Amino acid sequence: MSQRIAADETATKFAALGDRTRLELLVKLGREGPQSIKQLSEGFSVTRQAITKHLHVLLAAELVEERVSGREHRFGAKPQSLLDLRHSLDMISQQWDDALARLQRFVEEND
């Protein structure tokens, strides 16, 4: 996988988490395990249809998975996707730490 494709996929995941409702859905799935749309809708002030749309965004970003059993659709968090995002944040953090260290060395050498 090219770096560009990986960056696009990571950006898609972060964009999906940029919405409060989607983030709360993912937290709920992580805390309580796989659930139906009816279960996920409980505690939200939006319709089941809105929850379904948010879940489709999370599915497209590969942050949740869907399992169908008869007529019931259950959604669950994909922990590996979240670990991949954490790895991305760790790499970005390291890049910033390195850049700040270079800046500090530059300032101290030219002081």
PDB file of N, CA and C in Angstrom:
ATOM      1  N   MET A   1       0.849  -1.177   0.000  1.00  0.00           N
ATOM      2  CA  MET A   1       0.000   0.000   0.000  1.00  0.00           C
ATOM      3  C   MET A   1       0.892   1.238   0.000  1.00  0.00           C
ATOM      4  N   SER A   2       0.577   2.161  -0.891  1.00  0.00           N
ATOM      5  CA  SER A   2       1.400   3.363  -0.972  1.00  0.00           C
ATOM      6  C   SER A   2       1.128   4.273   0.223  1.00  0.00           C
ATOM      7  N   GLN A   3       2.086   5.150   0.480  1.00  0.00           N
ATOM      8  CA  GLN A   3       1.924   6.091   1.596  1.00  0.00           C
ATOM      9  C   GLN A   3       0.730   7.003   1.367  1.00  0.00           C
ATOM     10  N   ARG A   4       0.486   7.360   0.105  1.00  0.00           N
ATOM     11  CA  ARG A   4      -0.628   8.249  -0.231  1.00  0.00           C
ATOM     12  C   ARG A   4      -1.971   7.593   0.101  1.00  0.00           C
ATOM     13  N   ILE A   5      -2.113   6.327  -0.277  1.00  0.00           N
ATOM     14  CA  ILE A   5      -3.353   5.605   0.008  1.00  0.00           C
ATOM     15  C   ILE A   5      -3.528   5.448   1.513  1.00  0.00           C
ATOM     16  N   ALA A   6      -2.451   5.099   2.199  1.00  0.00           N
ATOM     17  CA  ALA A   6      -2.527   4.951   3.650  1.00  0.00           C
ATOM     18  C   ALA A   6      -2.912   6.276   4.307  1.00  0.00           C
ATOM     19  N   ALA A   7      -2.356   7.378   3.819  1.00  0.00           N
ATOM     20  CA  ALA A   7      -2.685   8.690   4.376  1.00  0.00           C
ATOM     21  C   ALA A   7      -4.150   9.036   4.116  1.00  0.00           C
ATOM     22  N   ASP A   8      -4.645   8.704   2.929  1.00  0.00           N
ATOM     23  CA  ASP A   8      -6.052   8.951   2.610  1.00  0.00           C
ATOM     24  C   ASP A   8      -6.975   8.157   3.526  1.00  0.00           C
ATOM     25  N   GLU A   9      -6.634   6.887   3.757  1.00  0.00           N
ATOM     26  CA  GLU A   9      -7.453   6.048   4.633  1.00  0.00           C
ATOM     27  C   GLU A   9      -7.424   6.561   6.064  1.00  0.00           C
ATOM     28  N   THR A  10      -6.271   7.005   6.516  1.00  0.00           N
ATOM     29  CA  THR A  10      -6.162   7.556   7.866  1.00  0.00           C
ATOM     30  C   THR A  10      -6.970   8.842   7.979  1.00  0.00           C
ATOM     31  N   ALA A  11      -6.891   9.689   6.962  1.00  0.00           N
ATOM     32  CA  ALA A  11      -7.661  10.937   6.965  1.00  0.00           C
ATOM     33  C   ALA A  11      -9.157  10.650   7.004  1.00  0.00           C
ATOM     34  N   THR A  12      -9.597   9.625   6.265  1.00  0.00           N
ATOM     35  CA  THR A  12     -11.009   9.242   6.261  1.00  0.00           C
ATOM     36  C   THR A  12     -11.450   8.806   7.652  1.00  0.00           C
ATOM     37  N   LYS A  13     -10.607   8.052   8.324  1.00  0.00           N
ATOM     38  CA  LYS A  13     -10.935   7.602   9.684  1.00  0.00           C
ATOM     39  C   LYS A  13     -11.041   8.791  10.645  1.00  0.00           C
ATOM     40  N   PHE A  14     -10.063   9.688  10.589  1.00  0.00           N
ATOM     41  CA  PHE A  14     -10.110  10.847  11.475  1.00  0.00           C
ATOM     42  C   PHE A  14     -11.305  11.745  11.151  1.00  0.00           C
ATOM     43  N   ALA A  15     -11.625  11.893   9.875  1.00  0.00           N
ATOM     44  CA  ALA A  15     -12.786  12.700   9.484  1.00  0.00           C
ATOM     45  C   ALA A  15     -14.064  12.094  10.044  1.00  0.00           C
ATOM     46  N   ALA A  16     -14.172  10.779   9.995  1.00  0.00           N
ATOM     47  CA  ALA A  16     -15.359  10.112  10.536  1.00  0.00           C
ATOM     48  C   ALA A  16     -15.494  10.369  12.029  1.00  0.00           C
ATOM     49  N   LEU A  17     -14.373  10.421  12.725  1.00  0.00           N
ATOM     50  CA  LEU A  17     -14.401  10.662  14.169  1.00  0.00           C
ATOM     51  C   LEU A  17     -14.585  12.132  14.514  1.00  0.00           C
ATOM     52  N   GLY A  18     -14.537  12.991  13.500  1.00  0.00           N
ATOM     53  CA  GLY A  18     -14.696  14.426  13.731  1.00  0.00           C
ATOM     54  C   GLY A  18     -16.114  14.831  14.077  1.00  0.00           C
ATOM     55  N   ASP A  19     -17.051  13.923  13.926  1.00  0.00           N
ATOM     56  CA  ASP A  19     -18.438  14.197  14.269  1.00  0.00           C
ATOM     57  C   ASP A  19     -18.715  13.633  15.664  1.00  0.00           C
ATOM     58  N   ARG A  20     -19.310  14.453  16.515  1.00  0.00           N
ATOM     59  CA  ARG A  20     -19.529  14.061  17.910  1.00  0.00           C
ATOM     60  C   ARG A  20     -20.401  12.810  18.031  1.00  0.00           C
ATOM     61  N   THR A  21     -21.465  12.741  17.250  1.00  0.00           N
ATOM     62  CA  THR A  21     -22.358  11.581  17.335  1.00  0.00           C
ATOM     63  C   THR A  21     -21.622  10.307  16.953  1.00  0.00           C
ATOM     64  N   ARG A  22     -20.842  10.359  15.877  1.00  0.00           N
ATOM     65  CA  ARG A  22     -20.097   9.169  15.463  1.00  0.00           C
ATOM     66  C   ARG A  22     -19.066   8.769  16.505  1.00  0.00           C
ATOM     67  N   LEU A  23     -18.407   9.746  17.083  1.00  0.00           N
ATOM     68  CA  LEU A  23     -17.430   9.449  18.128  1.00  0.00           C
ATOM     69  C   LEU A  23     -18.119   8.800  19.327  1.00  0.00           C
ATOM     70  N   GLU A  24     -19.274   9.328  19.716  1.00  0.00           N
ATOM     71  CA  GLU A  24     -20.020   8.751  20.841  1.00  0.00           C
ATOM     72  C   GLU A  24     -20.502   7.337  20.520  1.00  0.00           C
ATOM     73  N   LEU A  25     -20.918   7.110  19.276  1.00  0.00           N
ATOM     74  CA  LEU A  25     -21.328   5.757  18.875  1.00  0.00           C
ATOM     75  C   LEU A  25     -20.160   4.787  19.003  1.00  0.00           C
ATOM     76  N   LEU A  26     -18.999   5.201  18.548  1.00  0.00           N
ATOM     77  CA  LEU A  26     -17.826   4.337  18.613  1.00  0.00           C
ATOM     78  C   LEU A  26     -17.430   4.060  20.059  1.00  0.00           C
ATOM     79  N   VAL A  27     -17.509   5.072  20.903  1.00  0.00           N
ATOM     80  CA  VAL A  27     -17.203   4.880  22.325  1.00  0.00           C
ATOM     81  C   VAL A  27     -18.194   3.891  22.938  1.00  0.00           C
ATOM     82  N   LYS A  28     -19.469   4.055  22.614  1.00  0.00           N
ATOM     83  CA  LYS A  28     -20.500   3.148  23.131  1.00  0.00           C
ATOM     84  C   LYS A  28     -20.245   1.718  22.675  1.00  0.00           C
ATOM     85  N   LEU A  29     -19.898   1.541  21.417  1.00  0.00           N
ATOM     86  CA  LEU A  29     -19.606   0.197  20.911  1.00  0.00           C
ATOM     87  C   LEU A  29     -18.375  -0.394  21.585  1.00  0.00           C
ATOM     88  N   GLY A  30     -17.378   0.427  21.805  1.00  0.00           N
ATOM     89  CA  GLY A  30     -16.172  -0.049  22.476  1.00  0.00           C
ATOM     90  C   GLY A  30     -16.426  -0.428  23.918  1.00  0.00           C
ATOM     91  N   ARG A  31     -17.295   0.313  24.571  1.00  0.00           N
ATOM     92  CA  ARG A  31     -17.578   0.083  25.985  1.00  0.00           C
ATOM     93  C   ARG A  31     -18.569  -1.069  26.189  1.00  0.00           C
ATOM     94  N   GLU A  32     -19.596  -1.136  25.318  1.00  0.00           N
ATOM     95  CA  GLU A  32     -20.693  -2.075  25.547  1.00  0.00           C
ATOM     96  C   GLU A  32     -20.727  -3.254  24.580  1.00  0.00           C
ATOM     97  N   GLY A  33     -19.866  -3.258  23.580  1.00  0.00           N
ATOM     98  CA  GLY A  33     -19.836  -4.351  22.626  1.00  0.00           C
ATOM     99  C   GLY A  33     -20.841  -4.178  21.498  1.00  0.00           C
ATOM    100  N   PRO A  34     -20.904  -5.166  20.602  1.00  0.00           N
ATOM    101  CA  PRO A  34     -21.789  -5.079  19.432  1.00  0.00           C
ATOM    102  C   PRO A  34     -23.245  -4.850  19.830  1.00  0.00           C
ATOM    103  N   GLN A  35     -23.921  -4.018  19.019  1.00  0.00           N
ATOM    104  CA  GLN A  35     -25.311  -3.675  19.301  1.00  0.00           C
ATOM    105  C   GLN A  35     -26.080  -3.471  18.011  1.00  0.00           C
ATOM    106  N   SER A  36     -27.394  -3.577  18.145  1.00  0.00           N
ATOM    107  CA  SER A  36     -28.284  -3.287  17.026  1.00  0.00           C
ATOM    108  C   SER A  36     -28.479  -1.774  16.922  1.00  0.00           C
ATOM    109  N   ILE A  37     -29.065  -1.351  15.821  1.00  0.00           N
ATOM    110  CA  ILE A  37     -29.347   0.071  15.647  1.00  0.00           C
ATOM    111  C   ILE A  37     -30.307   0.542  16.728  1.00  0.00           C
ATOM    112  N   LYS A  38     -31.277  -0.288  17.071  1.00  0.00           N
ATOM    113  CA  LYS A  38     -32.231   0.074  18.127  1.00  0.00           C
ATOM    114  C   LYS A  38     -31.488   0.329  19.440  1.00  0.00           C
ATOM    115  N   GLN A  39     -30.589  -0.578  19.799  1.00  0.00           N
ATOM    116  CA  GLN A  39     -29.823  -0.406  21.039  1.00  0.00           C
ATOM    117  C   GLN A  39     -28.935   0.830  20.972  1.00  0.00           C
ATOM    118  N   LEU A  40     -28.300   1.025  19.830  1.00  0.00           N
ATOM    119  CA  LEU A  40     -27.405   2.173  19.682  1.00  0.00           C
ATOM    120  C   LEU A  40     -28.158   3.495  19.742  1.00  0.00           C
ATOM    121  N   SER A  41     -29.391   3.499  19.295  1.00  0.00           N
ATOM    122  CA  SER A  41     -30.188   4.727  19.261  1.00  0.00           C
ATOM    123  C   SER A  41     -30.570   5.213  20.652  1.00  0.00           C
ATOM    124  N   GLU A  42     -30.624   4.292  21.614  1.00  0.00           N
ATOM    125  CA  GLU A  42     -31.004   4.660  22.974  1.00  0.00           C
ATOM    126  C   GLU A  42     -29.985   5.640  23.549  1.00  0.00           C
ATOM    127  N   GLY A  43     -30.489   6.726  24.079  1.00  0.00           N
ATOM    128  CA  GLY A  43     -29.614   7.730  24.686  1.00  0.00           C
ATOM    129  C   GLY A  43     -29.187   8.831  23.728  1.00  0.00           C
ATOM    130  N   PHE A  44     -29.570   8.723  22.469  1.00  0.00           N
ATOM    131  CA  PHE A  44     -29.252   9.764  21.493  1.00  0.00           C
ATOM    132  C   PHE A  44     -30.521  10.541  21.164  1.00  0.00           C
ATOM    133  N   SER A  45     -30.357  11.802  20.885  1.00  0.00           N
ATOM    134  CA  SER A  45     -31.510  12.650  20.576  1.00  0.00           C
ATOM    135  C   SER A  45     -31.801  12.699  19.080  1.00  0.00           C
ATOM    136  N   VAL A  46     -31.157  11.825  18.309  1.00  0.00           N
ATOM    137  CA  VAL A  46     -31.390  11.779  16.866  1.00  0.00           C
ATOM    138  C   VAL A  46     -32.165  10.508  16.528  1.00  0.00           C
ATOM    139  N   THR A  47     -32.728  10.459  15.344  1.00  0.00           N
ATOM    140  CA  THR A  47     -33.542   9.327  14.916  1.00  0.00           C
ATOM    141  C   THR A  47     -32.687   8.099  14.617  1.00  0.00           C
ATOM    142  N   ARG A  48     -33.347   6.962  14.524  1.00  0.00           N
ATOM    143  CA  ARG A  48     -32.638   5.733  14.128  1.00  0.00           C
ATOM    144  C   ARG A  48     -32.071   5.883  12.726  1.00  0.00           C
ATOM    145  N   GLN A  49     -32.798   6.592  11.883  1.00  0.00           N
ATOM    146  CA  GLN A  49     -32.315   6.823  10.518  1.00  0.00           C
ATOM    147  C   GLN A  49     -30.998   7.602  10.545  1.00  0.00           C
ATOM    148  N   ALA A  50     -30.907   8.594  11.426  1.00  0.00           N
ATOM    149  CA  ALA A  50     -29.667   9.360  11.553  1.00  0.00           C
ATOM    150  C   ALA A  50     -28.545   8.481  12.100  1.00  0.00           C
ATOM    151  N   ILE A  51     -28.867   7.636  13.069  1.00  0.00           N
ATOM    152  CA  ILE A  51     -27.866   6.711  13.610  1.00  0.00           C
ATOM    153  C   ILE A  51     -27.363   5.790  12.502  1.00  0.00           C
ATOM    154  N   THR A  52     -28.286   5.313  11.671  1.00  0.00           N
ATOM    155  CA  THR A  52     -27.913   4.444  10.548  1.00  0.00           C
ATOM    156  C   THR A  52     -26.957   5.154   9.605  1.00  0.00           C
ATOM    157  N   LYS A  53     -27.238   6.413   9.301  1.00  0.00           N
ATOM    158  CA  LYS A  53     -26.349   7.174   8.411  1.00  0.00           C
ATOM    159  C   LYS A  53     -24.964   7.333   9.037  1.00  0.00           C
ATOM    160  N   HIS A  54     -24.924   7.625  10.331  1.00  0.00           N
ATOM    161  CA  HIS A  54     -23.631   7.752  11.015  1.00  0.00           C
ATOM    162  C   HIS A  54     -22.878   6.417  10.993  1.00  0.00           C
ATOM    163  N   LEU A  55     -23.593   5.320  11.189  1.00  0.00           N
ATOM    164  CA  LEU A  55     -22.948   4.008  11.157  1.00  0.00           C
ATOM    165  C   LEU A  55     -22.384   3.694   9.779  1.00  0.00           C
ATOM    166  N   HIS A  56     -23.063   4.139   8.734  1.00  0.00           N
ATOM    167  CA  HIS A  56     -22.553   3.915   7.375  1.00  0.00           C
ATOM    168  C   HIS A  56     -21.247   4.676   7.149  1.00  0.00           C
ATOM    169  N   VAL A  57     -21.129   5.857   7.728  1.00  0.00           N
ATOM    170  CA  VAL A  57     -19.873   6.605   7.634  1.00  0.00           C
ATOM    171  C   VAL A  57     -18.766   5.848   8.377  1.00  0.00           C
ATOM    172  N   LEU A  58     -19.089   5.345   9.568  1.00  0.00           N
ATOM    173  CA  LEU A  58     -18.104   4.583  10.338  1.00  0.00           C
ATOM    174  C   LEU A  58     -17.736   3.272   9.628  1.00  0.00           C
ATOM    175  N   LEU A  59     -18.707   2.664   8.960  1.00  0.00           N
ATOM    176  CA  LEU A  59     -18.419   1.460   8.175  1.00  0.00           C
ATOM    177  C   LEU A  59     -17.479   1.781   7.011  1.00  0.00           C
ATOM    178  N   ALA A  60     -17.764   2.868   6.301  1.00  0.00           N
ATOM    179  CA  ALA A  60     -16.931   3.266   5.165  1.00  0.00           C
ATOM    180  C   ALA A  60     -15.502   3.576   5.605  1.00  0.00           C
ATOM    181  N   ALA A  61     -15.367   4.102   6.820  1.00  0.00           N
ATOM    182  CA  ALA A  61     -14.045   4.412   7.365  1.00  0.00           C
ATOM    183  C   ALA A  61     -13.386   3.183   7.998  1.00  0.00           C
ATOM    184  N   GLU A  62     -14.098   2.071   7.972  1.00  0.00           N
ATOM    185  CA  GLU A  62     -13.611   0.807   8.534  1.00  0.00           C
ATOM    186  C   GLU A  62     -13.317   0.894  10.027  1.00  0.00           C
ATOM    187  N   LEU A  63     -14.120   1.687  10.727  1.00  0.00           N
ATOM    188  CA  LEU A  63     -13.984   1.793  12.178  1.00  0.00           C
ATOM    189  C   LEU A  63     -14.951   0.872  12.904  1.00  0.00           C
ATOM    190  N   VAL A  64     -16.005   0.449  12.215  1.00  0.00           N
ATOM    191  CA  VAL A  64     -16.950  -0.525  12.764  1.00  0.00           C
ATOM    192  C   VAL A  64     -17.189  -1.611  11.722  1.00  0.00           C
ATOM    193  N   GLU A  65     -17.715  -2.725  12.198  1.00  0.00           N
ATOM    194  CA  GLU A  65     -18.102  -3.802  11.307  1.00  0.00           C
ATOM    195  C   GLU A  65     -19.554  -4.146  11.563  1.00  0.00           C
ATOM    196  N   GLU A  66     -20.184  -4.712  10.544  1.00  0.00           N
ATOM    197  CA  GLU A  66     -21.600  -5.069  10.630  1.00  0.00           C
ATOM    198  C   GLU A  66     -21.733  -6.574  10.469  1.00  0.00           C
ATOM    199  N   ARG A  67     -22.544  -7.148  11.338  1.00  0.00           N
ATOM    200  CA  ARG A  67     -22.856  -8.574  11.228  1.00  0.00           C
ATOM    201  C   ARG A  67     -24.368  -8.711  11.116  1.00  0.00           C
ATOM    202  N   VAL A  68     -24.786  -9.483  10.140  1.00  0.00           N
ATOM    203  CA  VAL A  68     -26.209  -9.673   9.890  1.00  0.00           C
ATOM    204  C   VAL A  68     -26.596 -11.086  10.298  1.00  0.00           C
ATOM    205  N   SER A  69     -27.645 -11.162  11.115  1.00  0.00           N
ATOM    206  CA  SER A  69     -28.189 -12.450  11.533  1.00  0.00           C
ATOM    207  C   SER A  69     -29.694 -12.376  11.335  1.00  0.00           C
ATOM    208  N   GLY A  70     -30.162 -12.980  10.252  1.00  0.00           N
ATOM    209  CA  GLY A  70     -31.581 -12.854   9.922  1.00  0.00           C
ATOM    210  C   GLY A  70     -31.879 -11.420   9.538  1.00  0.00           C
ATOM    211  N   ARG A  71     -32.821 -10.821  10.244  1.00  0.00           N
ATOM    212  CA  ARG A  71     -33.181  -9.433   9.977  1.00  0.00           C
ATOM    213  C   ARG A  71     -32.411  -8.449  10.858  1.00  0.00           C
ATOM    214  N   GLU A  72     -31.673  -8.982  11.822  1.00  0.00           N
ATOM    215  CA  GLU A  72     -30.967  -8.099  12.755  1.00  0.00           C
ATOM    216  C   GLU A  72     -29.560  -7.765  12.257  1.00  0.00           C
ATOM    217  N   HIS A  73     -29.252  -6.500  12.319  1.00  0.00           N
ATOM    218  CA  HIS A  73     -27.914  -6.005  11.993  1.00  0.00           C
ATOM    219  C   HIS A  73     -27.273  -5.548  13.297  1.00  0.00           C
ATOM    220  N   ARG A  74     -26.111  -6.101  13.587  1.00  0.00           N
ATOM    221  CA  ARG A  74     -25.379  -5.704  14.792  1.00  0.00           C
ATOM    222  C   ARG A  74     -24.055  -5.079  14.359  1.00  0.00           C
ATOM    223  N   PHE A  75     -23.703  -4.014  15.036  1.00  0.00           N
ATOM    224  CA  PHE A  75     -22.499  -3.264  14.720  1.00  0.00           C
ATOM    225  C   PHE A  75     -21.530  -3.369  15.887  1.00  0.00           C
ATOM    226  N   GLY A  76     -20.263  -3.492  15.556  1.00  0.00           N
ATOM    227  CA  GLY A  76     -19.230  -3.562  16.582  1.00  0.00           C
ATOM    228  C   GLY A  76     -18.019  -2.752  16.167  1.00  0.00           C
ATOM    229  N   ALA A  77     -17.285  -2.291  17.152  1.00  0.00           N
ATOM    230  CA  ALA A  77     -16.064  -1.525  16.899  1.00  0.00           C
ATOM    231  C   ALA A  77     -14.983  -2.451  16.343  1.00  0.00           C
ATOM    232  N   LYS A  78     -14.087  -1.896  15.537  1.00  0.00           N
ATOM    233  CA  LYS A  78     -12.944  -2.639  15.013  1.00  0.00           C
ATOM    234  C   LYS A  78     -11.694  -2.124  15.733  1.00  0.00           C
ATOM    235  N   PRO A  79     -11.303  -2.805  16.805  1.00  0.00           N
ATOM    236  CA  PRO A  79     -10.174  -2.324  17.612  1.00  0.00           C
ATOM    237  C   PRO A  79      -8.890  -2.100  16.823  1.00  0.00           C
ATOM    238  N   GLN A  80      -8.618  -2.946  15.825  1.00  0.00           N
ATOM    239  CA  GLN A  80      -7.371  -2.787  15.066  1.00  0.00           C
ATOM    240  C   GLN A  80      -7.332  -1.444  14.349  1.00  0.00           C
ATOM    241  N   SER A  81      -8.481  -0.997  13.839  1.00  0.00           N
ATOM    242  CA  SER A  81      -8.527   0.305  13.168  1.00  0.00           C
ATOM    243  C   SER A  81      -8.177   1.423  14.140  1.00  0.00           C
ATOM    244  N   LEU A  82      -8.658   1.299  15.371  1.00  0.00           N
ATOM    245  CA  LEU A  82      -8.343   2.317  16.382  1.00  0.00           C
ATOM    246  C   LEU A  82      -6.868   2.260  16.766  1.00  0.00           C
ATOM    247  N   LEU A  83      -6.315   1.063  16.829  1.00  0.00           N
ATOM    248  CA  LEU A  83      -4.878   0.940  17.104  1.00  0.00           C
ATOM    249  C   LEU A  83      -4.054   1.549  15.976  1.00  0.00           C
ATOM    250  N   ASP A  84      -4.522   1.379  14.741  1.00  0.00           N
ATOM    251  CA  ASP A  84      -3.828   1.988  13.601  1.00  0.00           C
ATOM    252  C   ASP A  84      -3.847   3.513  13.714  1.00  0.00           C
ATOM    253  N   LEU A  85      -4.984   4.074  14.138  1.00  0.00           N
ATOM    254  CA  LEU A  85      -5.066   5.530  14.331  1.00  0.00           C
ATOM    255  C   LEU A  85      -4.134   5.980  15.441  1.00  0.00           C
ATOM    256  N   ARG A  86      -4.072   5.209  16.492  1.00  0.00           N
ATOM    257  CA  ARG A  86      -3.174   5.556  17.597  1.00  0.00           C
ATOM    258  C   ARG A  86      -1.724   5.550  17.114  1.00  0.00           C
ATOM    259  N   HIS A  87      -1.387   4.563  16.298  1.00  0.00           N
ATOM    260  CA  HIS A  87      -0.034   4.492  15.726  1.00  0.00           C
ATOM    261  C   HIS A  87       0.240   5.740  14.879  1.00  0.00           C
ATOM    262  N   SER A  88      -0.735   6.164  14.102  1.00  0.00           N
ATOM    263  CA  SER A  88      -0.578   7.369  13.277  1.00  0.00           C
ATOM    264  C   SER A  88      -0.335   8.592  14.156  1.00  0.00           C
ATOM    265  N   LEU A  89      -1.099   8.704  15.227  1.00  0.00           N
ATOM    266  CA  LEU A  89      -0.909   9.843  16.148  1.00  0.00           C
ATOM    267  C   LEU A  89       0.455   9.781  16.823  1.00  0.00           C
ATOM    268  N   ASP A  90       0.897   8.583  17.178  1.00  0.00           N
ATOM    269  CA  ASP A  90       2.228   8.433  17.782  1.00  0.00           C
ATOM    270  C   ASP A  90       3.324   8.885  16.812  1.00  0.00           C
ATOM    271  N   MET A  91       3.165   8.525  15.532  1.00  0.00           N
ATOM    272  CA  MET A  91       4.158   8.931  14.529  1.00  0.00           C
ATOM    273  C   MET A  91       4.156  10.449  14.347  1.00  0.00           C
ATOM    274  N   ILE A  92       2.976  11.047  14.294  1.00  0.00           N
ATOM    275  CA  ILE A  92       2.876  12.504  14.156  1.00  0.00           C
ATOM    276  C   ILE A  92       3.495  13.186  15.371  1.00  0.00           C
ATOM    277  N   SER A  93       3.205  12.659  16.541  1.00  0.00           N
ATOM    278  CA  SER A  93       3.768  13.216  17.773  1.00  0.00           C
ATOM    279  C   SER A  93       5.292  13.155  17.755  1.00  0.00           C
ATOM    280  N   GLN A  94       5.827  12.036  17.296  1.00  0.00           N
ATOM    281  CA  GLN A  94       7.280  11.888  17.217  1.00  0.00           C
ATOM    282  C   GLN A  94       7.883  12.875  16.219  1.00  0.00           C
ATOM    283  N   GLN A  95       7.209  13.084  15.107  1.00  0.00           N
ATOM    284  CA  GLN A  95       7.693  14.052  14.124  1.00  0.00           C
ATOM    285  C   GLN A  95       7.737  15.455  14.717  1.00  0.00           C
ATOM    286  N   TRP A  96       6.706  15.824  15.483  1.00  0.00           N
ATOM    287  CA  TRP A  96       6.695  17.136  16.126  1.00  0.00           C
ATOM    288  C   TRP A  96       7.794  17.239  17.184  1.00  0.00           C
ATOM    289  N   ASP A  97       7.976  16.181  17.957  1.00  0.00           N
ATOM    290  CA  ASP A  97       9.049  16.183  18.958  1.00  0.00           C
ATOM    291  C   ASP A  97      10.406  16.370  18.290  1.00  0.00           C
ATOM    292  N   ASP A  98      10.623  15.678  17.174  1.00  0.00           N
ATOM    293  CA  ASP A  98      11.889  15.802  16.443  1.00  0.00           C
ATOM    294  C   ASP A  98      12.066  17.221  15.899  1.00  0.00           C
ATOM    295  N   ALA A  99      11.001  17.790  15.349  1.00  0.00           N
ATOM    296  CA  ALA A  99      11.075  19.149  14.795  1.00  0.00           C
ATOM    297  C   ALA A  99      11.366  20.160  15.892  1.00  0.00           C
ATOM    298  N   LEU A 100      10.731  20.006  17.044  1.00  0.00           N
ATOM    299  CA  LEU A 100      10.977  20.930  18.159  1.00  0.00           C
ATOM    300  C   LEU A 100      12.396  20.774  18.702  1.00  0.00           C
ATOM    301  N   ALA A 101      12.893  19.557  18.720  1.00  0.00           N
ATOM    302  CA  ALA A 101      14.273  19.339  19.172  1.00  0.00           C
ATOM    303  C   ALA A 101      15.257  20.001  18.215  1.00  0.00           C
ATOM    304  N   ARG A 102      15.004  19.896  16.900  1.00  0.00           N
ATOM    305  CA  ARG A 102      15.881  20.565  15.915  1.00  0.00           C
ATOM    306  C   ARG A 102      15.819  22.077  16.093  1.00  0.00           C
ATOM    307  N   LEU A 103      14.636  22.606  16.319  1.00  0.00           N
ATOM    308  CA  LEU A 103      14.488  24.052  16.530  1.00  0.00           C
ATOM    309  C   LEU A 103      15.235  24.485  17.780  1.00  0.00           C
ATOM    310  N   GLN A 104      15.113  23.709  18.848  1.00  0.00           N
ATOM    311  CA  GLN A 104      15.808  24.038  20.085  1.00  0.00           C
ATOM    312  C   GLN A 104      17.322  24.038  19.875  1.00  0.00           C
ATOM    313  N   ARG A 105      17.833  23.033  19.169  1.00  0.00           N
ATOM    314  CA  ARG A 105      19.279  22.979  18.887  1.00  0.00           C
ATOM    315  C   ARG A 105      19.708  24.185  18.061  1.00  0.00           C
ATOM    316  N   PHE A 106      18.920  24.544  17.080  1.00  0.00           N
ATOM    317  CA  PHE A 106      19.226  25.682  16.230  1.00  0.00           C
ATOM    318  C   PHE A 106      19.288  26.967  17.060  1.00  0.00           C
ATOM    319  N   VAL A 107      18.291  27.177  17.894  1.00  0.00           N
ATOM    320  CA  VAL A 107      18.239  28.383  18.721  1.00  0.00           C
ATOM    321  C   VAL A 107      19.424  28.424  19.680  1.00  0.00           C
ATOM    322  N   GLU A 108      19.725  27.292  20.310  1.00  0.00           N
ATOM    323  CA  GLU A 108      20.828  27.260  21.280  1.00  0.00           C
ATOM    324  C   GLU A 108      22.183  27.460  20.586  1.00  0.00           C
ATOM    325  N   GLU A 109      22.333  26.949  19.369  1.00  0.00           N
ATOM    326  CA  GLU A 109      23.599  27.093  18.644  1.00  0.00           C
ATOM    327  C   GLU A 109      23.779  28.523  18.117  1.00  0.00           C
ATOM    328  N   ASN A 110      22.687  29.220  17.893  1.00  0.00           N
ATOM    329  CA  ASN A 110      22.764  30.561  17.330  1.00  0.00           C
ATOM    330  C   ASN A 110      22.452  31.639  18.351  1.00  0.00           C
ATOM    331  N   ASP A 111      22.524  31.282  19.593  1.00  0.00           N
ATOM    332  CA  ASP A 111      22.247  32.246  20.664  1.00  0.00           C
ATOM    333  C   ASP A 111      23.463  33.009  21.084  1.00  0.00           C
TER     334      ASP A 111
END
